[in-house]
Amino acid sequence: MENPLKKLMRENDWTYNNLGTLTDVSNSTIYKTLKGSRAKINRNILNLVEELGEDPQKFNKKYKEFRAAKRKELINQ
């Protein structure tokens, strides 16, 4: 399962710096979110998702599903 933030960045051809500028979020936070190591998506990122016309709750749900799949994958190694 693909991280929804990674998908959003790919679809918009955004770099870490682009996303950081758009959301006022550090590259470190973006990196950790992309890797799935953050339990929650930063509110500023969810605000951007909403500005783009997507449902932030659905986006957050997809992120939680991504993290659950990643956890399952790590356990089954």
PDB file of N, CA and C in Angstrom:
ATOM      1  N   MET A   1       0.844  -1.180   0.000  1.00  0.00           N
ATOM      2  CA  MET A   1       0.000   0.000   0.000  1.00  0.00           C
ATOM      3  C   MET A   1       0.889   1.243   0.000  1.00  0.00           C
ATOM      4  N   GLU A   2       0.511   2.214  -0.825  1.00  0.00           N
ATOM      5  CA  GLU A   2       1.302   3.434  -0.953  1.00  0.00           C
ATOM      6  C   GLU A   2       0.865   4.478   0.079  1.00  0.00           C
ATOM      7  N   ASN A   3       1.839   5.164   0.608  1.00  0.00           N
ATOM      8  CA  ASN A   3       1.586   6.258   1.526  1.00  0.00           C
ATOM      9  C   ASN A   3       0.828   7.357   0.767  1.00  0.00           C
ATOM     10  N   PRO A   4      -0.315   7.817   1.284  1.00  0.00           N
ATOM     11  CA  PRO A   4      -1.081   8.836   0.560  1.00  0.00           C
ATOM     12  C   PRO A   4      -0.325  10.153   0.391  1.00  0.00           C
ATOM     13  N   LEU A   5       0.581  10.470   1.307  1.00  0.00           N
ATOM     14  CA  LEU A   5       1.374  11.687   1.155  1.00  0.00           C
ATOM     15  C   LEU A   5       2.360  11.538   0.000  1.00  0.00           C
ATOM     16  N   LYS A   6       2.955  10.375  -0.111  1.00  0.00           N
ATOM     17  CA  LYS A   6       3.870  10.121  -1.223  1.00  0.00           C
ATOM     18  C   LYS A   6       3.123  10.226  -2.551  1.00  0.00           C
ATOM     19  N   LYS A   7       1.932   9.676  -2.589  1.00  0.00           N
ATOM     20  CA  LYS A   7       1.109   9.741  -3.803  1.00  0.00           C
ATOM     21  C   LYS A   7       0.781  11.196  -4.152  1.00  0.00           C
ATOM     22  N   LEU A   8       0.394  11.970  -3.152  1.00  0.00           N
ATOM     23  CA  LEU A   8       0.066  13.379  -3.362  1.00  0.00           C
ATOM     24  C   LEU A   8       1.279  14.135  -3.910  1.00  0.00           C
ATOM     25  N   MET A   9       2.442  13.879  -3.340  1.00  0.00           N
ATOM     26  CA  MET A   9       3.652  14.545  -3.801  1.00  0.00           C
ATOM     27  C   MET A   9       3.993  14.138  -5.236  1.00  0.00           C
ATOM     28  N   ARG A  10       3.851  12.859  -5.539  1.00  0.00           N
ATOM     29  CA  ARG A  10       4.141  12.369  -6.891  1.00  0.00           C
ATOM     30  C   ARG A  10       3.184  12.981  -7.904  1.00  0.00           C
ATOM     31  N   GLU A  11       1.891  12.994  -7.587  1.00  0.00           N
ATOM     32  CA  GLU A  11       0.882  13.522  -8.504  1.00  0.00           C
ATOM     33  C   GLU A  11       1.076  15.002  -8.797  1.00  0.00           C
ATOM     34  N   ASN A  12       1.621  15.746  -7.835  1.00  0.00           N
ATOM     35  CA  ASN A  12       1.822  17.184  -8.005  1.00  0.00           C
ATOM     36  C   ASN A  12       3.264  17.549  -8.326  1.00  0.00           C
ATOM     37  N   ASP A  13       4.105  16.520  -8.451  1.00  0.00           N
ATOM     38  CA  ASP A  13       5.520  16.723  -8.748  1.00  0.00           C
ATOM     39  C   ASP A  13       6.169  17.661  -7.728  1.00  0.00           C
ATOM     40  N   TRP A  14       5.894  17.410  -6.434  1.00  0.00           N
ATOM     41  CA  TRP A  14       6.422  18.218  -5.349  1.00  0.00           C
ATOM     42  C   TRP A  14       7.629  17.549  -4.710  1.00  0.00           C
ATOM     43  N   THR A  15       8.596  18.357  -4.344  1.00  0.00           N
ATOM     44  CA  THR A  15       9.745  17.909  -3.567  1.00  0.00           C
ATOM     45  C   THR A  15       9.435  18.133  -2.082  1.00  0.00           C
ATOM     46  N   TYR A  16      10.340  17.684  -1.240  1.00  0.00           N
ATOM     47  CA  TYR A  16      10.204  17.963   0.202  1.00  0.00           C
ATOM     48  C   TYR A  16      10.120  19.469   0.425  1.00  0.00           C
ATOM     49  N   ASN A  17      10.986  20.211  -0.272  1.00  0.00           N
ATOM     50  CA  ASN A  17      11.004  21.657  -0.099  1.00  0.00           C
ATOM     51  C   ASN A  17       9.700  22.296  -0.554  1.00  0.00           C
ATOM     52  N   ASN A  18       9.138  21.813  -1.680  1.00  0.00           N
ATOM     53  CA  ASN A  18       7.855  22.340  -2.142  1.00  0.00           C
ATOM     54  C   ASN A  18       6.784  22.128  -1.084  1.00  0.00           C
ATOM     55  N   LEU A  19       6.696  20.896  -0.584  1.00  0.00           N
ATOM     56  CA  LEU A  19       5.674  20.575   0.412  1.00  0.00           C
ATOM     57  C   LEU A  19       5.905  21.359   1.700  1.00  0.00           C
ATOM     58  N   GLY A  20       7.163  21.496   2.095  1.00  0.00           N
ATOM     59  CA  GLY A  20       7.486  22.271   3.288  1.00  0.00           C
ATOM     60  C   GLY A  20       7.052  23.722   3.168  1.00  0.00           C
ATOM     61  N   THR A  21       7.261  24.294   1.988  1.00  0.00           N
ATOM     62  CA  THR A  21       6.855  25.676   1.748  1.00  0.00           C
ATOM     63  C   THR A  21       5.337  25.809   1.764  1.00  0.00           C
ATOM     64  N   LEU A  22       4.658  24.859   1.148  1.00  0.00           N
ATOM     65  CA  LEU A  22       3.198  24.907   1.074  1.00  0.00           C
ATOM     66  C   LEU A  22       2.523  24.721   2.432  1.00  0.00           C
ATOM     67  N   THR A  23       3.174  23.981   3.323  1.00  0.00           N
ATOM     68  CA  THR A  23       2.533  23.608   4.587  1.00  0.00           C
ATOM     69  C   THR A  23       3.192  24.217   5.821  1.00  0.00           C
ATOM     70  N   ASP A  24       4.350  24.822   5.647  1.00  0.00           N
ATOM     71  CA  ASP A  24       5.127  25.331   6.776  1.00  0.00           C
ATOM     72  C   ASP A  24       5.477  24.196   7.744  1.00  0.00           C
ATOM     73  N   VAL A  25       5.880  23.069   7.162  1.00  0.00           N
ATOM     74  CA  VAL A  25       6.271  21.879   7.918  1.00  0.00           C
ATOM     75  C   VAL A  25       7.727  21.567   7.558  1.00  0.00           C
ATOM     76  N   SER A  26       8.502  21.138   8.534  1.00  0.00           N
ATOM     77  CA  SER A  26       9.922  20.853   8.292  1.00  0.00           C
ATOM     78  C   SER A  26      10.105  19.623   7.410  1.00  0.00           C
ATOM     79  N   ASN A  27      11.245  19.584   6.731  1.00  0.00           N
ATOM     80  CA  ASN A  27      11.576  18.414   5.916  1.00  0.00           C
ATOM     81  C   ASN A  27      11.650  17.154   6.769  1.00  0.00           C
ATOM     82  N   SER A  28      12.095  17.306   8.002  1.00  0.00           N
ATOM     83  CA  SER A  28      12.176  16.162   8.917  1.00  0.00           C
ATOM     84  C   SER A  28      10.795  15.560   9.168  1.00  0.00           C
ATOM     85  N   THR A  29       9.813  16.405   9.396  1.00  0.00           N
ATOM     86  CA  THR A  29       8.444  15.926   9.623  1.00  0.00           C
ATOM     87  C   THR A  29       7.895  15.258   8.365  1.00  0.00           C
ATOM     88  N   ILE A  30       8.173  15.852   7.227  1.00  0.00           N
ATOM     89  CA  ILE A  30       7.721  15.264   5.959  1.00  0.00           C
ATOM     90  C   ILE A  30       8.364  13.895   5.774  1.00  0.00           C
ATOM     91  N   TYR A  31       9.664  13.800   5.994  1.00  0.00           N
ATOM     92  CA  TYR A  31      10.381  12.532   5.864  1.00  0.00           C
ATOM     93  C   TYR A  31       9.775  11.460   6.774  1.00  0.00           C
ATOM     94  N   LYS A  32       9.573  11.816   8.028  1.00  0.00           N
ATOM     95  CA  LYS A  32       9.027  10.849   8.988  1.00  0.00           C
ATOM     96  C   LYS A  32       7.612  10.422   8.605  1.00  0.00           C
ATOM     97  N   THR A  33       6.834  11.341   8.061  1.00  0.00           N
ATOM     98  CA  THR A  33       5.476  11.002   7.627  1.00  0.00           C
ATOM     99  C   THR A  33       5.534  10.078   6.423  1.00  0.00           C
ATOM    100  N   LEU A  34       6.434  10.349   5.496  1.00  0.00           N
ATOM    101  CA  LEU A  34       6.571   9.491   4.319  1.00  0.00           C
ATOM    102  C   LEU A  34       7.012   8.082   4.695  1.00  0.00           C
ATOM    103  N   LYS A  35       7.856   7.981   5.704  1.00  0.00           N
ATOM    104  CA  LYS A  35       8.338   6.671   6.163  1.00  0.00           C
ATOM    105  C   LYS A  35       7.310   5.952   7.042  1.00  0.00           C
ATOM    106  N   GLY A  36       6.300   6.685   7.511  1.00  0.00           N
ATOM    107  CA  GLY A  36       5.282   6.081   8.357  1.00  0.00           C
ATOM    108  C   GLY A  36       5.656   6.031   9.820  1.00  0.00           C
ATOM    109  N   SER A  37       6.682   6.761  10.206  1.00  0.00           N
ATOM    110  CA  SER A  37       7.109   6.713  11.605  1.00  0.00           C
ATOM    111  C   SER A  37       6.352   7.695  12.495  1.00  0.00           C
ATOM    112  N   ARG A  38       5.584   8.582  11.902  1.00  0.00           N
ATOM    113  CA  ARG A  38       4.741   9.501  12.694  1.00  0.00           C
ATOM    114  C   ARG A  38       3.364   8.870  12.849  1.00  0.00           C
ATOM    115  N   ALA A  39       2.846   8.909  14.067  1.00  0.00           N
ATOM    116  CA  ALA A  39       1.530   8.317  14.321  1.00  0.00           C
ATOM    117  C   ALA A  39       0.407   9.106  13.637  1.00  0.00           C
ATOM    118  N   LYS A  40       0.598  10.422  13.530  1.00  0.00           N
ATOM    119  CA  LYS A  40      -0.436  11.270  12.936  1.00  0.00           C
ATOM    120  C   LYS A  40       0.174  12.174  11.881  1.00  0.00           C
ATOM    121  N   ILE A  41      -0.641  12.524  10.912  1.00  0.00           N
ATOM    122  CA  ILE A  41      -0.208  13.485   9.902  1.00  0.00           C
ATOM    123  C   ILE A  41      -0.339  14.885  10.486  1.00  0.00           C
ATOM    124  N   ASN A  42       0.656  15.704  10.243  1.00  0.00           N
ATOM    125  CA  ASN A  42       0.655  17.084  10.719  1.00  0.00           C
ATOM    126  C   ASN A  42      -0.589  17.814  10.216  1.00  0.00           C
ATOM    127  N   ARG A  43      -1.182  18.597  11.072  1.00  0.00           N
ATOM    128  CA  ARG A  43      -2.424  19.316  10.741  1.00  0.00           C
ATOM    129  C   ARG A  43      -2.250  20.228   9.525  1.00  0.00           C
ATOM    130  N   ASN A  44      -1.084  20.835   9.378  1.00  0.00           N
ATOM    131  CA  ASN A  44      -0.848  21.712   8.233  1.00  0.00           C
ATOM    132  C   ASN A  44      -0.922  20.943   6.911  1.00  0.00           C
ATOM    133  N   ILE A  45      -0.451  19.709   6.924  1.00  0.00           N
ATOM    134  CA  ILE A  45      -0.546  18.873   5.719  1.00  0.00           C
ATOM    135  C   ILE A  45      -2.003  18.562   5.427  1.00  0.00           C
ATOM    136  N   LEU A  46      -2.765  18.239   6.465  1.00  0.00           N
ATOM    137  CA  LEU A  46      -4.191  17.957   6.266  1.00  0.00           C
ATOM    138  C   LEU A  46      -4.944  19.195   5.785  1.00  0.00           C
ATOM    139  N   ASN A  47      -4.513  20.368   6.237  1.00  0.00           N
ATOM    140  CA  ASN A  47      -5.130  21.604   5.751  1.00  0.00           C
ATOM    141  C   ASN A  47      -4.888  21.778   4.257  1.00  0.00           C
ATOM    142  N   LEU A  48      -3.675  21.452   3.804  1.00  0.00           N
ATOM    143  CA  LEU A  48      -3.370  21.527   2.373  1.00  0.00           C
ATOM    144  C   LEU A  48      -4.221  20.534   1.591  1.00  0.00           C
ATOM    145  N   VAL A  49      -4.357  19.334   2.127  1.00  0.00           N
ATOM    146  CA  VAL A  49      -5.191  18.314   1.477  1.00  0.00           C
ATOM    147  C   VAL A  49      -6.602  18.863   1.279  1.00  0.00           C
ATOM    148  N   GLU A  50      -7.114  19.511   2.298  1.00  0.00           N
ATOM    149  CA  GLU A  50      -8.460  20.091   2.212  1.00  0.00           C
ATOM    150  C   GLU A  50      -8.507  21.218   1.174  1.00  0.00           C
ATOM    151  N   GLU A  51      -7.471  22.052   1.135  1.00  0.00           N
ATOM    152  CA  GLU A  51      -7.412  23.128   0.142  1.00  0.00           C
ATOM    153  C   GLU A  51      -7.423  22.577  -1.280  1.00  0.00           C
ATOM    154  N   LEU A  52      -6.872  21.389  -1.446  1.00  0.00           N
ATOM    155  CA  LEU A  52      -6.828  20.755  -2.762  1.00  0.00           C
ATOM    156  C   LEU A  52      -8.142  20.059  -3.120  1.00  0.00           C
ATOM    157  N   GLY A  53      -9.101  20.124  -2.208  1.00  0.00           N
ATOM    158  CA  GLY A  53     -10.422  19.564  -2.481  1.00  0.00           C
ATOM    159  C   GLY A  53     -10.603  18.122  -2.061  1.00  0.00           C
ATOM    160  N   GLU A  54      -9.633  17.582  -1.321  1.00  0.00           N
ATOM    161  CA  GLU A  54      -9.753  16.207  -0.826  1.00  0.00           C
ATOM    162  C   GLU A  54     -10.251  16.232   0.617  1.00  0.00           C
ATOM    163  N   ASP A  55     -10.850  15.133   1.019  1.00  0.00           N
ATOM    164  CA  ASP A  55     -11.349  14.996   2.381  1.00  0.00           C
ATOM    165  C   ASP A  55     -10.179  14.637   3.306  1.00  0.00           C
ATOM    166  N   PRO A  56      -9.831  15.514   4.240  1.00  0.00           N
ATOM    167  CA  PRO A  56      -8.694  15.227   5.127  1.00  0.00           C
ATOM    168  C   PRO A  56      -8.919  14.001   6.015  1.00  0.00           C
ATOM    169  N   GLN A  57     -10.165  13.714   6.364  1.00  0.00           N
ATOM    170  CA  GLN A  57     -10.433  12.530   7.189  1.00  0.00           C
ATOM    171  C   GLN A  57     -10.153  11.249   6.402  1.00  0.00           C
ATOM    172  N   LYS A  58     -10.535  11.235   5.138  1.00  0.00           N
ATOM    173  CA  LYS A  58     -10.252  10.069   4.292  1.00  0.00           C
ATOM    174  C   LYS A  58      -8.748   9.923   4.075  1.00  0.00           C
ATOM    175  N   PHE A  59      -8.087  11.053   3.880  1.00  0.00           N
ATOM    176  CA  PHE A  59      -6.636  11.044   3.693  1.00  0.00           C
ATOM    177  C   PHE A  59      -5.964  10.480   4.940  1.00  0.00           C
ATOM    178  N   ASN A  60      -6.409  10.921   6.108  1.00  0.00           N
ATOM    179  CA  ASN A  60      -5.862  10.439   7.373  1.00  0.00           C
ATOM    180  C   ASN A  60      -6.132   8.946   7.546  1.00  0.00           C
ATOM    181  N   LYS A  61      -7.304   8.499   7.148  1.00  0.00           N
ATOM    182  CA  LYS A  61      -7.647   7.072   7.231  1.00  0.00           C
ATOM    183  C   LYS A  61      -6.710   6.249   6.340  1.00  0.00           C
ATOM    184  N   LYS A  62      -6.437   6.751   5.139  1.00  0.00           N
ATOM    185  CA  LYS A  62      -5.523   6.051   4.233  1.00  0.00           C
ATOM    186  C   LYS A  62      -4.124   5.979   4.843  1.00  0.00           C
ATOM    187  N   TYR A  63      -3.710   7.045   5.530  1.00  0.00           N
ATOM    188  CA  TYR A  63      -2.404   7.040   6.180  1.00  0.00           C
ATOM    189  C   TYR A  63      -2.364   5.992   7.290  1.00  0.00           C
ATOM    190  N   LYS A  64      -3.424   5.908   8.065  1.00  0.00           N
ATOM    191  CA  LYS A  64      -3.478   4.895   9.130  1.00  0.00           C
ATOM    192  C   LYS A  64      -3.450   3.486   8.541  1.00  0.00           C
ATOM    193  N   GLU A  65      -4.128   3.277   7.422  1.00  0.00           N
ATOM    194  CA  GLU A  65      -4.110   1.977   6.753  1.00  0.00           C
ATOM    195  C   GLU A  65      -2.706   1.660   6.242  1.00  0.00           C
ATOM    196  N   PHE A  66      -2.031   2.675   5.704  1.00  0.00           N
ATOM    197  CA  PHE A  66      -0.651   2.506   5.250  1.00  0.00           C
ATOM    198  C   PHE A  66       0.234   2.076   6.416  1.00  0.00           C
ATOM    199  N   ARG A  67       0.102   2.748   7.555  1.00  0.00           N
ATOM    200  CA  ARG A  67       0.915   2.407   8.731  1.00  0.00           C
ATOM    201  C   ARG A  67       0.619   1.002   9.230  1.00  0.00           C
ATOM    202  N   ALA A  68      -0.656   0.616   9.217  1.00  0.00           N
ATOM    203  CA  ALA A  68      -1.029  -0.725   9.666  1.00  0.00           C
ATOM    204  C   ALA A  68      -0.430  -1.790   8.740  1.00  0.00           C
ATOM    205  N   ALA A  69      -0.465  -1.532   7.435  1.00  0.00           N
ATOM    206  CA  ALA A  69       0.111  -2.473   6.469  1.00  0.00           C
ATOM    207  C   ALA A  69       1.622  -2.566   6.650  1.00  0.00           C
ATOM    208  N   LYS A  70       2.253  -1.431   6.892  1.00  0.00           N
ATOM    209  CA  LYS A  70       3.697  -1.419   7.109  1.00  0.00           C
ATOM    210  C   LYS A  70       4.059  -2.189   8.376  1.00  0.00           C
ATOM    211  N   ARG A  71       3.279  -1.996   9.429  1.00  0.00           N
ATOM    212  CA  ARG A  71       3.516  -2.706  10.688  1.00  0.00           C
ATOM    213  C   ARG A  71       3.392  -4.214  10.482  1.00  0.00           C
ATOM    214  N   LYS A  72       2.345  -4.608   9.774  1.00  0.00           N
ATOM    215  CA  LYS A  72       2.109  -6.036   9.503  1.00  0.00           C
ATOM    216  C   LYS A  72       3.284  -6.617   8.703  1.00  0.00           C
ATOM    217  N   GLU A  73       3.749  -5.867   7.733  1.00  0.00           N
ATOM    218  CA  GLU A  73       4.880  -6.291   6.922  1.00  0.00           C
ATOM    219  C   GLU A  73       6.132  -6.493   7.779  1.00  0.00           C
ATOM    220  N   LEU A  74       6.370  -5.568   8.696  1.00  0.00           N
ATOM    221  CA  LEU A  74       7.549  -5.682   9.579  1.00  0.00           C
ATOM    222  C   LEU A  74       7.440  -6.879  10.514  1.00  0.00           C
ATOM    223  N   ILE A  75       6.251  -7.132  11.008  1.00  0.00           N
ATOM    224  CA  ILE A  75       6.057  -8.274  11.919  1.00  0.00           C
ATOM    225  C   ILE A  75       6.272  -9.598  11.192  1.00  0.00           C
ATOM    226  N   ASN A  76       5.864  -9.637   9.934  1.00  0.00           N
ATOM    227  CA  ASN A  76       5.944 -10.888   9.163  1.00  0.00           C
ATOM    228  C   ASN A  76       7.288 -11.121   8.490  1.00  0.00           C
ATOM    229  N   GLN A  77       8.274 -10.278   8.756  1.00  0.00           N
ATOM    230  CA  GLN A  77       9.597 -10.471   8.144  1.00  0.00           C
ATOM    231  C   GLN A  77      10.303 -11.663   8.718  1.00  0.00           C
TER     232      GLN A  77
END
